[in-house]
Amino acid sequence: MQPIKTILVIRLSSIGDIILSTPLLRRLRAASPEAGIDYCTKEPFVSLLASNPHLSTIYTTERPPTEAYDLVIDLQHNLRSQAIVRSLRAGQTVHYRKENWKKWLMIQCRINLYPFTRSVVDRYQDALGQFALSDDPQGCELIPSYEEKAFAQPFFENGQKTLALCFGARHFTKRYPPHRFAAIIALLLKERPLQVLLLGGKEDAPQASDIMNALPEACRSMTVNLAGSCSLMQTAALLERSDAVLCNDTGLMHMASAFGKQLFVLFGSSSTAFGFLPYHVPYELFEVEGLRCRPCSHIGRDNCPKGHFRCMNDLSQGLIASKILDYLK
């Protein structure tokens, strides 16, 4: 990579995509140890990057960068990020190509042009082309503050194994049904003492309530509902201390991956071909193979187009619980 003094990385959203950009930041730093590396994102996601040791300054869409840069890396590549790029004096600019046409062909025509599953992390790195970076075996990075770690500490003082349950997702077809999550919790607690933490944002609170209401009475005292009561990085600190994580294909999955956690991942309407599997961490994947209607979307839908929702309903609660128990033993 040619000597570069100033670099700007743009990724405006969302949680998972921003976390998946952190290996690129580490590799940029290794390639250009003296360079100033800045980042531009949306305000709600600044905390994900605030403690990142590779960054100099974090900008937002409300407070955009105005400096001149030797290299601008646009990982968002939409109208808003392109407007930011045009407002800057950039020596060179590279764009991440999302290749949405490949996703469209796979969803609409069942034509798979992905010869193998390649992580979005590696696709981000491919975008740099001539500025080739060296790979490393490390995964994503998040660094909770002392205060955030202190927030998490009291939840782990009982000495029990802890399973973090990240049950939410923005779209319905990426969410395993709450009553099925409750059934998994009941199967786990029947076999061994365990603490379960329900983690998610305010938008996930209704699903958390559904899980709690569907639990047998005896299981509720072992299940702590924290959905909507933690900041992003407080949630990260809780995931850092947990022993394992059961999750949908969502941003908190990638958050947990930043701490090298054993993940138990449920894929519904999406496909692993799109590159959003956990990066460089151990995981157990659960998906219903052979469904002709899957994938029906690359981001998720608000309802099942077929009405049966088999991509989630056919996932075995017993199998998922047994895999988690085997790991915790």
C-alpha atoms as a PDB file:
ATOM      1  CA  MET A   1       0.000   0.000   0.000  1.00  0.00           C
ATOM      2  CA  GLN A   2       1.376   3.440  -0.966  1.00  0.00           C
ATOM      3  CA  PRO A   3       2.193   5.843   1.891  1.00  0.00           C
ATOM      4  CA  ILE A   4      -0.979   7.708   2.806  1.00  0.00           C
ATOM      5  CA  LYS A   5      -1.265  10.330   5.537  1.00  0.00           C
ATOM      6  CA  THR A   6      -5.014  10.856   5.864  1.00  0.00           C
ATOM      7  CA  ILE A   7      -7.848   8.330   5.438  1.00  0.00           C
ATOM      8  CA  LEU A   8     -11.613   8.639   5.814  1.00  0.00           C
ATOM      9  CA  VAL A   9     -13.885   5.579   6.109  1.00  0.00           C
ATOM     10  CA  ILE A  10     -17.620   6.087   5.560  1.00  0.00           C
ATOM     11  CA  ARG A  11     -20.179   3.582   6.811  1.00  0.00           C
ATOM     12  CA  LEU A  12     -23.370   5.276   7.955  1.00  0.00           C
ATOM     13  CA  SER A  13     -25.349   2.262   9.215  1.00  0.00           C
ATOM     14  CA  SER A  14     -26.171  -0.163  10.714  1.00  0.00           C
ATOM     15  CA  ILE A  15     -24.872  -1.938  13.826  1.00  0.00           C
ATOM     16  CA  GLY A  16     -23.640  -5.104  12.135  1.00  0.00           C
ATOM     17  CA  ASP A  17     -22.222  -3.384   9.067  1.00  0.00           C
ATOM     18  CA  ILE A  18     -20.239  -0.932  11.185  1.00  0.00           C
ATOM     19  CA  ILE A  19     -18.858  -3.693  13.406  1.00  0.00           C
ATOM     20  CA  LEU A  20     -17.900  -5.642  10.296  1.00  0.00           C
ATOM     21  CA  SER A  21     -15.808  -2.665   9.177  1.00  0.00           C
ATOM     22  CA  THR A  22     -13.550  -2.821  12.255  1.00  0.00           C
ATOM     23  CA  PRO A  23     -11.141  -5.450  10.847  1.00  0.00           C
ATOM     24  CA  LEU A  24     -10.564  -3.086   7.923  1.00  0.00           C
ATOM     25  CA  LEU A  25      -9.668  -0.280  10.354  1.00  0.00           C
ATOM     26  CA  ARG A  26      -7.148  -2.526  12.099  1.00  0.00           C
ATOM     27  CA  ARG A  27      -5.578  -3.549   8.806  1.00  0.00           C
ATOM     28  CA  LEU A  28      -5.460   0.033   7.555  1.00  0.00           C
ATOM     29  CA  ARG A  29      -3.621   0.964  10.749  1.00  0.00           C
ATOM     30  CA  ALA A  30      -1.145  -1.886  10.261  1.00  0.00           C
ATOM     31  CA  ALA A  31      -0.518  -0.806   6.664  1.00  0.00           C
ATOM     32  CA  SER A  32      -0.236   2.927   7.481  1.00  0.00           C
ATOM     33  CA  PRO A  33       0.847   3.218  11.132  1.00  0.00           C
ATOM     34  CA  GLU A  34       1.442   6.981  10.908  1.00  0.00           C
ATOM     35  CA  ALA A  35      -1.752   7.883   9.053  1.00  0.00           C
ATOM     36  CA  GLY A  36      -4.710   9.666  10.570  1.00  0.00           C
ATOM     37  CA  ILE A  37      -7.798   7.497  10.114  1.00  0.00           C
ATOM     38  CA  ASP A  38     -11.215   9.168  10.492  1.00  0.00           C
ATOM     39  CA  TYR A  39     -14.686   7.636  10.309  1.00  0.00           C
ATOM     40  CA  CYS A  40     -18.088   9.028   9.359  1.00  0.00           C
ATOM     41  CA  THR A  41     -21.306   7.365  10.531  1.00  0.00           C
ATOM     42  CA  LYS A  42     -24.742   8.249  11.879  1.00  0.00           C
ATOM     43  CA  GLU A  43     -24.979   9.663  15.385  1.00  0.00           C
ATOM     44  CA  PRO A  44     -26.712   6.620  16.987  1.00  0.00           C
ATOM     45  CA  PHE A  45     -23.728   4.422  16.094  1.00  0.00           C
ATOM     46  CA  VAL A  46     -20.855   6.626  17.268  1.00  0.00           C
ATOM     47  CA  SER A  47     -20.537   4.687  20.531  1.00  0.00           C
ATOM     48  CA  LEU A  48     -19.569   1.545  18.592  1.00  0.00           C
ATOM     49  CA  LEU A  49     -16.392   3.311  17.472  1.00  0.00           C
ATOM     50  CA  ALA A  50     -15.712   5.736  20.319  1.00  0.00           C
ATOM     51  CA  SER A  51     -13.013   3.564  21.944  1.00  0.00           C
ATOM     52  CA  ASN A  52     -11.533   2.182  18.741  1.00  0.00           C
ATOM     53  CA  PRO A  53      -7.757   2.680  19.034  1.00  0.00           C
ATOM     54  CA  HIS A  54      -7.230   2.943  15.286  1.00  0.00           C
ATOM     55  CA  LEU A  55      -9.370   6.055  14.779  1.00  0.00           C
ATOM     56  CA  SER A  56      -8.430   9.705  15.141  1.00  0.00           C
ATOM     57  CA  THR A  57     -11.795  11.463  14.718  1.00  0.00           C
ATOM     58  CA  ILE A  58     -15.376  10.248  14.352  1.00  0.00           C
ATOM     59  CA  TYR A  59     -17.718  12.400  12.269  1.00  0.00           C
ATOM     60  CA  THR A  60     -21.462  12.127  11.793  1.00  0.00           C
ATOM     61  CA  THR A  61     -23.935  13.046   9.087  1.00  0.00           C
ATOM     62  CA  GLU A  62     -24.937  15.997  11.282  1.00  0.00           C
ATOM     63  CA  ARG A  63     -21.299  16.990  11.752  1.00  0.00           C
ATOM     64  CA  PRO A  64     -19.659  15.775   8.533  1.00  0.00           C
ATOM     65  CA  PRO A  65     -15.947  15.864   7.766  1.00  0.00           C
ATOM     66  CA  THR A  66     -14.553  18.880   5.936  1.00  0.00           C
ATOM     67  CA  GLU A  67     -10.852  17.999   5.775  1.00  0.00           C
ATOM     68  CA  ALA A  68      -8.878  16.989   2.711  1.00  0.00           C
ATOM     69  CA  TYR A  69      -8.032  13.277   2.559  1.00  0.00           C
ATOM     70  CA  ASP A  70      -5.489  11.277   0.632  1.00  0.00           C
ATOM     71  CA  LEU A  71      -7.894   8.330   0.570  1.00  0.00           C
ATOM     72  CA  VAL A  72     -11.656   8.105   1.102  1.00  0.00           C
ATOM     73  CA  ILE A  73     -13.206   4.643   1.486  1.00  0.00           C
ATOM     74  CA  ASP A  74     -16.973   4.708   0.947  1.00  0.00           C
ATOM     75  CA  LEU A  75     -18.350   1.449   2.365  1.00  0.00           C
ATOM     76  CA  GLN A  76     -21.957   2.695   2.302  1.00  0.00           C
ATOM     77  CA  HIS A  77     -22.082   3.679  -1.373  1.00  0.00           C
ATOM     78  CA  ASN A  78     -25.504   5.296  -1.414  1.00  0.00           C
ATOM     79  CA  LEU A  79     -26.746   8.783  -2.295  1.00  0.00           C
ATOM     80  CA  ARG A  80     -25.995  10.195   1.151  1.00  0.00           C
ATOM     81  CA  SER A  81     -22.461   8.848   1.376  1.00  0.00           C
ATOM     82  CA  GLN A  82     -21.747   9.937  -2.192  1.00  0.00           C
ATOM     83  CA  ALA A  83     -22.874  13.465  -1.296  1.00  0.00           C
ATOM     84  CA  ILE A  84     -20.367  13.462   1.572  1.00  0.00           C
ATOM     85  CA  VAL A  85     -17.615  12.286  -0.775  1.00  0.00           C
ATOM     86  CA  ARG A  86     -18.428  15.031  -3.298  1.00  0.00           C
ATOM     87  CA  SER A  87     -18.158  17.665  -0.577  1.00  0.00           C
ATOM     88  CA  LEU A  88     -14.571  16.649   0.219  1.00  0.00           C
ATOM     89  CA  ARG A  89     -11.214  17.143  -1.375  1.00  0.00           C
ATOM     90  CA  ALA A  90     -10.097  13.567  -1.838  1.00  0.00           C
ATOM     91  CA  GLY A  91      -6.910  12.409  -3.504  1.00  0.00           C
ATOM     92  CA  GLN A  92      -8.409   9.018  -4.270  1.00  0.00           C
ATOM     93  CA  THR A  93     -11.789   7.473  -3.536  1.00  0.00           C
ATOM     94  CA  VAL A  94     -12.801   3.814  -3.491  1.00  0.00           C
ATOM     95  CA  HIS A  95     -16.347   2.486  -3.214  1.00  0.00           C
ATOM     96  CA  TYR A  96     -17.623  -0.798  -1.846  1.00  0.00           C
ATOM     97  CA  ARG A  97     -19.695  -2.469  -4.554  1.00  0.00           C
ATOM     98  CA  LYS A  98     -22.681  -4.148  -2.942  1.00  0.00           C
ATOM     99  CA  GLU A  99     -23.549  -6.103  -6.110  1.00  0.00           C
ATOM    100  CA  ASN A 100     -27.238  -5.984  -5.297  1.00  0.00           C
ATOM    101  CA  TRP A 101     -27.957  -7.375  -8.742  1.00  0.00           C
ATOM    102  CA  LYS A 102     -26.518 -10.720  -7.592  1.00  0.00           C
ATOM    103  CA  LYS A 103     -28.833 -10.675  -4.576  1.00  0.00           C
ATOM    104  CA  TRP A 104     -31.769  -9.826  -6.842  1.00  0.00           C
ATOM    105  CA  LEU A 105     -31.006 -12.762  -9.167  1.00  0.00           C
ATOM    106  CA  MET A 106     -30.748 -15.134  -6.222  1.00  0.00           C
ATOM    107  CA  ILE A 107     -33.998 -13.951  -4.645  1.00  0.00           C
ATOM    108  CA  GLN A 108     -36.097 -13.526  -7.779  1.00  0.00           C
ATOM    109  CA  CYS A 109     -34.655 -16.170 -10.124  1.00  0.00           C
ATOM    110  CA  ARG A 110     -32.870 -18.597  -7.768  1.00  0.00           C
ATOM    111  CA  ILE A 111     -29.647 -17.997  -9.708  1.00  0.00           C
ATOM    112  CA  ASN A 112     -26.713 -18.177  -7.287  1.00  0.00           C
ATOM    113  CA  LEU A 113     -23.680 -16.313  -8.608  1.00  0.00           C
ATOM    114  CA  TYR A 114     -21.828 -16.589  -5.308  1.00  0.00           C
ATOM    115  CA  PRO A 115     -19.355 -19.451  -5.913  1.00  0.00           C
ATOM    116  CA  PHE A 116     -18.642 -19.657  -2.174  1.00  0.00           C
ATOM    117  CA  THR A 117     -19.581 -17.799   0.973  1.00  0.00           C
ATOM    118  CA  ARG A 118     -17.299 -14.790   1.348  1.00  0.00           C
ATOM    119  CA  SER A 119     -17.599 -12.483   4.322  1.00  0.00           C
ATOM    120  CA  VAL A 120     -18.590  -8.850   3.892  1.00  0.00           C
ATOM    121  CA  VAL A 121     -15.374  -8.084   5.801  1.00  0.00           C
ATOM    122  CA  ASP A 122     -13.351  -9.513   2.934  1.00  0.00           C
ATOM    123  CA  ARG A 123     -15.552  -7.797   0.368  1.00  0.00           C
ATOM    124  CA  TYR A 124     -14.925  -4.483   2.128  1.00  0.00           C
ATOM    125  CA  GLN A 125     -11.215  -5.169   1.843  1.00  0.00           C
ATOM    126  CA  ASP A 126     -11.546  -6.129  -1.826  1.00  0.00           C
ATOM    127  CA  ALA A 127     -12.888  -2.632  -2.493  1.00  0.00           C
ATOM    128  CA  LEU A 128      -9.458  -1.160  -1.850  1.00  0.00           C
ATOM    129  CA  GLY A 129      -8.084  -2.760  -4.992  1.00  0.00           C
ATOM    130  CA  GLN A 130      -4.616  -1.297  -5.554  1.00  0.00           C
ATOM    131  CA  PHE A 131      -4.357  -0.406  -1.867  1.00  0.00           C
ATOM    132  CA  ALA A 132      -4.220  -4.088  -1.007  1.00  0.00           C
ATOM    133  CA  LEU A 133      -4.149  -4.854   2.719  1.00  0.00           C
ATOM    134  CA  SER A 134      -2.694  -7.867   4.476  1.00  0.00           C
ATOM    135  CA  ASP A 135      -5.162 -10.227   6.088  1.00  0.00           C
ATOM    136  CA  ASP A 136      -4.940 -11.206   9.733  1.00  0.00           C
ATOM    137  CA  PRO A 137      -6.636 -13.974  11.704  1.00  0.00           C
ATOM    138  CA  GLN A 138      -8.392 -11.632  14.114  1.00  0.00           C
ATOM    139  CA  GLY A 139     -12.105 -10.855  14.098  1.00  0.00           C
ATOM    140  CA  CYS A 140     -14.159  -7.747  14.725  1.00  0.00           C
ATOM    141  CA  GLU A 141     -13.352  -5.290  17.520  1.00  0.00           C
ATOM    142  CA  LEU A 142     -15.420  -3.504  20.163  1.00  0.00           C
ATOM    143  CA  ILE A 143     -14.073  -1.971  23.361  1.00  0.00           C
ATOM    144  CA  PRO A 144     -16.543  -1.209  26.155  1.00  0.00           C
ATOM    145  CA  SER A 145     -15.518   1.541  28.561  1.00  0.00           C
ATOM    146  CA  TYR A 146     -14.806   1.043  32.261  1.00  0.00           C
ATOM    147  CA  GLU A 147     -18.269   2.421  33.048  1.00  0.00           C
ATOM    148  CA  GLU A 148     -19.946   0.023  30.629  1.00  0.00           C
ATOM    149  CA  LYS A 149     -18.043  -2.927  32.090  1.00  0.00           C
ATOM    150  CA  ALA A 150     -19.073  -1.787  35.567  1.00  0.00           C
ATOM    151  CA  PHE A 151     -22.714  -1.766  34.450  1.00  0.00           C
ATOM    152  CA  ALA A 152     -22.422  -5.407  33.349  1.00  0.00           C
ATOM    153  CA  GLN A 153     -20.549  -6.670  36.407  1.00  0.00           C
ATOM    154  CA  PRO A 154     -23.517  -7.189  38.818  1.00  0.00           C
ATOM    155  CA  PHE A 155     -25.255  -9.553  36.397  1.00  0.00           C
ATOM    156  CA  PHE A 156     -22.411 -12.083  36.663  1.00  0.00           C
ATOM    157  CA  GLU A 157     -21.774 -12.220  40.396  1.00  0.00           C
ATOM    158  CA  ASN A 158     -23.840 -15.370  41.012  1.00  0.00           C
ATOM    159  CA  GLY A 159     -21.233 -17.559  39.301  1.00  0.00           C
ATOM    160  CA  GLN A 160     -23.731 -19.296  37.016  1.00  0.00           C
ATOM    161  CA  LYS A 161     -23.204 -19.900  33.341  1.00  0.00           C
ATOM    162  CA  THR A 162     -24.902 -17.199  31.292  1.00  0.00           C
ATOM    163  CA  LEU A 163     -26.573 -17.471  27.907  1.00  0.00           C
ATOM    164  CA  ALA A 164     -27.230 -14.173  26.147  1.00  0.00           C
ATOM    165  CA  LEU A 165     -30.325 -14.316  23.959  1.00  0.00           C
ATOM    166  CA  CYS A 166     -30.403 -11.744  21.138  1.00  0.00           C
ATOM    167  CA  PHE A 167     -33.915 -12.409  19.938  1.00  0.00           C
ATOM    168  CA  GLY A 168     -34.633  -9.255  17.923  1.00  0.00           C
ATOM    169  CA  ALA A 169     -34.170  -8.184  14.328  1.00  0.00           C
ATOM    170  CA  ARG A 170     -35.459  -5.251  12.356  1.00  0.00           C
ATOM    171  CA  HIS A 171     -37.610  -7.382  10.062  1.00  0.00           C
ATOM    172  CA  PHE A 172     -40.112 -10.070  11.018  1.00  0.00           C
ATOM    173  CA  THR A 173     -38.710 -12.794   8.754  1.00  0.00           C
ATOM    174  CA  LYS A 174     -35.352 -12.631  10.531  1.00  0.00           C
ATOM    175  CA  ARG A 175     -36.937 -13.170  13.962  1.00  0.00           C
ATOM    176  CA  TYR A 176     -37.390 -16.622  15.473  1.00  0.00           C
ATOM    177  CA  PRO A 177     -40.856 -16.599  17.099  1.00  0.00           C
ATOM    178  CA  PRO A 178     -40.890 -15.561  20.790  1.00  0.00           C
ATOM    179  CA  HIS A 179     -42.824 -18.629  21.966  1.00  0.00           C
ATOM    180  CA  ARG A 180     -40.191 -20.850  20.342  1.00  0.00           C
ATOM    181  CA  PHE A 181     -37.389 -18.983  22.093  1.00  0.00           C
ATOM    182  CA  ALA A 182     -39.319 -19.505  25.329  1.00  0.00           C
ATOM    183  CA  ALA A 183     -39.499 -23.224  24.608  1.00  0.00           C
ATOM    184  CA  ILE A 184     -35.717 -23.365  24.115  1.00  0.00           C
ATOM    185  CA  ILE A 185     -35.136 -21.554  27.416  1.00  0.00           C
ATOM    186  CA  ALA A 186     -37.452 -24.013  29.193  1.00  0.00           C
ATOM    187  CA  LEU A 187     -35.585 -26.994  27.709  1.00  0.00           C
ATOM    188  CA  LEU A 188     -32.238 -25.543  28.798  1.00  0.00           C
ATOM    189  CA  LEU A 189     -33.322 -24.728  32.342  1.00  0.00           C
ATOM    190  CA  LYS A 190     -34.874 -28.151  32.748  1.00  0.00           C
ATOM    191  CA  GLU A 191     -31.435 -29.706  32.256  1.00  0.00           C
ATOM    192  CA  ARG A 192     -29.149 -27.333  34.153  1.00  0.00           C
ATOM    193  CA  PRO A 193     -29.074 -24.108  36.199  1.00  0.00           C
ATOM    194  CA  LEU A 194     -28.409 -21.237  33.869  1.00  0.00           C
ATOM    195  CA  GLN A 195     -28.889 -17.496  33.684  1.00  0.00           C
ATOM    196  CA  VAL A 196     -30.495 -16.175  30.500  1.00  0.00           C
ATOM    197  CA  LEU A 197     -30.182 -12.500  29.537  1.00  0.00           C
ATOM    198  CA  LEU A 198     -32.678 -11.098  27.012  1.00  0.00           C
ATOM    199  CA  LEU A 199     -30.826  -8.399  25.097  1.00  0.00           C
ATOM    200  CA  GLY A 200     -32.189  -5.917  22.567  1.00  0.00           C
ATOM    201  CA  GLY A 201     -33.214  -2.335  21.968  1.00  0.00           C
ATOM    202  CA  LYS A 202     -36.405  -0.504  22.836  1.00  0.00           C
ATOM    203  CA  GLU A 203     -37.919  -1.663  19.565  1.00  0.00           C
ATOM    204  CA  ASP A 204     -37.427  -5.271  20.738  1.00  0.00           C
ATOM    205  CA  ALA A 205     -39.181  -4.824  24.090  1.00  0.00           C
ATOM    206  CA  PRO A 206     -42.566  -6.226  22.891  1.00  0.00           C
ATOM    207  CA  GLN A 207     -40.897  -9.466  21.752  1.00  0.00           C
ATOM    208  CA  ALA A 208     -39.055  -9.699  25.083  1.00  0.00           C
ATOM    209  CA  SER A 209     -42.378  -9.432  26.911  1.00  0.00           C
ATOM    210  CA  ASP A 210     -43.809 -12.166  24.687  1.00  0.00           C
ATOM    211  CA  ILE A 211     -40.881 -14.442  25.599  1.00  0.00           C
ATOM    212  CA  MET A 212     -41.282 -13.774  29.313  1.00  0.00           C
ATOM    213  CA  ASN A 213     -45.042 -14.367  29.172  1.00  0.00           C
ATOM    214  CA  ALA A 214     -44.556 -17.660  27.318  1.00  0.00           C
ATOM    215  CA  LEU A 215     -42.051 -19.008  29.857  1.00  0.00           C
ATOM    216  CA  PRO A 216     -43.148 -21.460  32.531  1.00  0.00           C
ATOM    217  CA  GLU A 217     -43.317 -19.730  35.907  1.00  0.00           C
ATOM    218  CA  ALA A 218     -40.317 -21.661  37.215  1.00  0.00           C
ATOM    219  CA  CYS A 219     -38.100 -20.302  34.423  1.00  0.00           C
ATOM    220  CA  ARG A 220     -38.857 -16.617  34.850  1.00  0.00           C
ATOM    221  CA  SER A 221     -36.641 -16.080  37.875  1.00  0.00           C
ATOM    222  CA  MET A 222     -33.655 -17.347  35.835  1.00  0.00           C
ATOM    223  CA  THR A 223     -34.391 -15.079  32.879  1.00  0.00           C
ATOM    224  CA  VAL A 224     -33.451 -11.397  33.045  1.00  0.00           C
ATOM    225  CA  ASN A 225     -35.214  -9.091  30.603  1.00  0.00           C
ATOM    226  CA  LEU A 226     -32.845  -6.226  29.734  1.00  0.00           C
ATOM    227  CA  ALA A 227     -34.378  -5.333  26.370  1.00  0.00           C
ATOM    228  CA  GLY A 228     -34.656  -1.578  25.980  1.00  0.00           C
ATOM    229  CA  SER A 229     -32.865  -0.795  29.244  1.00  0.00           C
ATOM    230  CA  CYS A 230     -29.240  -0.851  28.031  1.00  0.00           C
ATOM    231  CA  SER A 231     -27.220   1.355  25.716  1.00  0.00           C
ATOM    232  CA  LEU A 232     -25.493  -0.245  22.742  1.00  0.00           C
ATOM    233  CA  MET A 233     -22.172  -0.523  24.521  1.00  0.00           C
ATOM    234  CA  GLN A 234     -23.723  -1.644  27.798  1.00  0.00           C
ATOM    235  CA  THR A 235     -25.203  -4.468  25.760  1.00  0.00           C
ATOM    236  CA  ALA A 236     -21.728  -5.106  24.348  1.00  0.00           C
ATOM    237  CA  ALA A 237     -20.312  -5.328  27.872  1.00  0.00           C
ATOM    238  CA  LEU A 238     -22.978  -7.898  28.797  1.00  0.00           C
ATOM    239  CA  LEU A 239     -22.154  -9.957  25.714  1.00  0.00           C
ATOM    240  CA  GLU A 240     -18.455  -9.778  26.566  1.00  0.00           C
ATOM    241  CA  ARG A 241     -19.115 -11.494  29.910  1.00  0.00           C
ATOM    242  CA  SER A 242     -21.624 -14.099  28.666  1.00  0.00           C
ATOM    243  CA  ASP A 243     -20.607 -17.724  28.122  1.00  0.00           C
ATOM    244  CA  ALA A 244     -22.532 -18.232  24.870  1.00  0.00           C
ATOM    245  CA  VAL A 245     -24.970 -16.364  22.652  1.00  0.00           C
ATOM    246  CA  LEU A 246     -28.142 -17.521  20.910  1.00  0.00           C
ATOM    247  CA  CYS A 247     -29.115 -15.044  18.233  1.00  0.00           C
ATOM    248  CA  ASN A 248     -30.927 -14.246  15.038  1.00  0.00           C
ATOM    249  CA  ASP A 249     -29.066 -12.914  12.001  1.00  0.00           C
ATOM    250  CA  THR A 250     -28.793  -9.397  13.363  1.00  0.00           C
ATOM    251  CA  GLY A 251     -26.432  -6.656  14.527  1.00  0.00           C
ATOM    252  CA  LEU A 252     -26.044  -8.080  18.027  1.00  0.00           C
ATOM    253  CA  MET A 253     -24.740 -11.291  16.483  1.00  0.00           C
ATOM    254  CA  HIS A 254     -21.808  -9.330  15.088  1.00  0.00           C
ATOM    255  CA  MET A 255     -21.474  -7.440  18.367  1.00  0.00           C
ATOM    256  CA  ALA A 256     -21.061 -10.761  20.200  1.00  0.00           C
ATOM    257  CA  SER A 257     -18.591 -11.955  17.584  1.00  0.00           C
ATOM    258  CA  ALA A 258     -16.293  -9.047  18.497  1.00  0.00           C
ATOM    259  CA  PHE A 259     -15.651 -10.823  21.813  1.00  0.00           C
ATOM    260  CA  GLY A 260     -15.008 -14.246  20.304  1.00  0.00           C
ATOM    261  CA  LYS A 261     -18.141 -15.745  21.807  1.00  0.00           C
ATOM    262  CA  GLN A 262     -19.525 -19.138  20.843  1.00  0.00           C
ATOM    263  CA  LEU A 263     -22.573 -18.247  18.767  1.00  0.00           C
ATOM    264  CA  PHE A 264     -25.693 -20.255  18.009  1.00  0.00           C
ATOM    265  CA  VAL A 265     -27.114 -18.523  14.951  1.00  0.00           C
ATOM    266  CA  LEU A 266     -30.619 -18.799  13.469  1.00  0.00           C
ATOM    267  CA  PHE A 267     -31.000 -17.874   9.798  1.00  0.00           C
ATOM    268  CA  GLY A 268     -34.511 -17.443   8.429  1.00  0.00           C
ATOM    269  CA  SER A 269     -35.409 -15.663   5.213  1.00  0.00           C
ATOM    270  CA  SER A 270     -31.852 -14.648   4.350  1.00  0.00           C
ATOM    271  CA  SER A 271     -28.906 -16.640   3.016  1.00  0.00           C
ATOM    272  CA  THR A 272     -25.348 -17.185   4.157  1.00  0.00           C
ATOM    273  CA  ALA A 273     -24.252 -16.426   0.589  1.00  0.00           C
ATOM    274  CA  PHE A 274     -24.787 -12.715   1.245  1.00  0.00           C
ATOM    275  CA  GLY A 275     -21.728 -12.697   3.504  1.00  0.00           C
ATOM    276  CA  PHE A 276     -23.099 -11.914   6.954  1.00  0.00           C
ATOM    277  CA  LEU A 277     -22.043 -14.962   8.927  1.00  0.00           C
ATOM    278  CA  PRO A 278     -20.042 -14.327  12.123  1.00  0.00           C
ATOM    279  CA  TYR A 279     -16.463 -13.423  11.280  1.00  0.00           C
ATOM    280  CA  HIS A 280     -13.516 -15.458  12.603  1.00  0.00           C
ATOM    281  CA  VAL A 281     -15.364 -16.848  15.634  1.00  0.00           C
ATOM    282  CA  PRO A 282     -16.848 -20.277  16.419  1.00  0.00           C
ATOM    283  CA  TYR A 283     -20.527 -20.648  15.618  1.00  0.00           C
ATOM    284  CA  GLU A 284     -23.241 -23.239  15.102  1.00  0.00           C
ATOM    285  CA  LEU A 285     -25.595 -22.370  12.253  1.00  0.00           C
ATOM    286  CA  PHE A 286     -29.250 -23.416  12.164  1.00  0.00           C
ATOM    287  CA  GLU A 287     -31.150 -23.007   8.900  1.00  0.00           C
ATOM    288  CA  VAL A 288     -33.814 -24.874   6.954  1.00  0.00           C
ATOM    289  CA  GLU A 289     -32.114 -26.097   3.804  1.00  0.00           C
ATOM    290  CA  GLY A 290     -33.959 -26.947   0.605  1.00  0.00           C
ATOM    291  CA  LEU A 291     -36.818 -24.453   0.938  1.00  0.00           C
ATOM    292  CA  ARG A 292     -37.629 -23.224  -2.578  1.00  0.00           C
ATOM    293  CA  CYS A 293     -38.875 -19.901  -1.197  1.00  0.00           C
ATOM    294  CA  ARG A 294     -35.639 -19.114   0.604  1.00  0.00           C
ATOM    295  CA  PRO A 295     -34.100 -16.578   0.468  1.00  0.00           C
ATOM    296  CA  CYS A 296     -37.040 -14.240  -0.053  1.00  0.00           C
ATOM    297  CA  SER A 297     -35.052 -11.114   0.822  1.00  0.00           C
ATOM    298  CA  HIS A 298     -31.501 -10.059   1.634  1.00  0.00           C
ATOM    299  CA  ILE A 299     -32.552  -7.699   4.438  1.00  0.00           C
ATOM    300  CA  GLY A 300     -35.772  -9.336   5.662  1.00  0.00           C
ATOM    301  CA  ARG A 301     -39.509  -8.779   5.225  1.00  0.00           C
ATOM    302  CA  ASP A 302     -42.354  -7.641   7.461  1.00  0.00           C
ATOM    303  CA  ASN A 303     -44.223 -10.885   6.828  1.00  0.00           C
ATOM    304  CA  CYS A 304     -43.765 -14.284   5.222  1.00  0.00           C
ATOM    305  CA  PRO A 305     -44.789 -14.048   1.526  1.00  0.00           C
ATOM    306  CA  LYS A 306     -45.955 -17.687   1.613  1.00  0.00           C
ATOM    307  CA  GLY A 307     -47.734 -17.443   4.943  1.00  0.00           C
ATOM    308  CA  HIS A 308     -46.129 -20.555   6.468  1.00  0.00           C
ATOM    309  CA  PHE A 309     -42.851 -19.030   7.757  1.00  0.00           C
ATOM    310  CA  ARG A 310     -41.207 -22.430   7.510  1.00  0.00           C
ATOM    311  CA  CYS A 311     -37.702 -20.942   7.358  1.00  0.00           C
ATOM    312  CA  MET A 312     -38.063 -20.236  11.089  1.00  0.00           C
ATOM    313  CA  ASN A 313     -40.923 -22.481  12.228  1.00  0.00           C
ATOM    314  CA  ASP A 314     -39.143 -25.615  10.996  1.00  0.00           C
ATOM    315  CA  LEU A 315     -36.019 -24.963  13.080  1.00  0.00           C
ATOM    316  CA  SER A 316     -35.965 -27.590  15.842  1.00  0.00           C
ATOM    317  CA  GLN A 317     -36.145 -26.186  19.363  1.00  0.00           C
ATOM    318  CA  GLY A 318     -34.872 -29.476  20.748  1.00  0.00           C
ATOM    319  CA  LEU A 319     -31.846 -29.566  18.448  1.00  0.00           C
ATOM    320  CA  ILE A 320     -30.921 -25.954  19.234  1.00  0.00           C
ATOM    321  CA  ALA A 321     -31.224 -26.570  22.985  1.00  0.00           C
ATOM    322  CA  SER A 322     -29.180 -29.774  22.821  1.00  0.00           C
ATOM    323  CA  LYS A 323     -26.335 -28.067  20.938  1.00  0.00           C
ATOM    324  CA  ILE A 324     -26.219 -25.278  23.519  1.00  0.00           C
ATOM    325  CA  LEU A 325     -26.246 -27.776  26.393  1.00  0.00           C
ATOM    326  CA  ASP A 326     -23.438 -29.791  24.790  1.00  0.00           C
ATOM    327  CA  TYR A 327     -21.332 -26.648  24.562  1.00  0.00           C
ATOM    328  CA  LEU A 328     -22.015 -25.502  28.118  1.00  0.00           C
ATOM    329  CA  LYS A 329     -21.106 -28.927  29.487  1.00  0.00           C
END
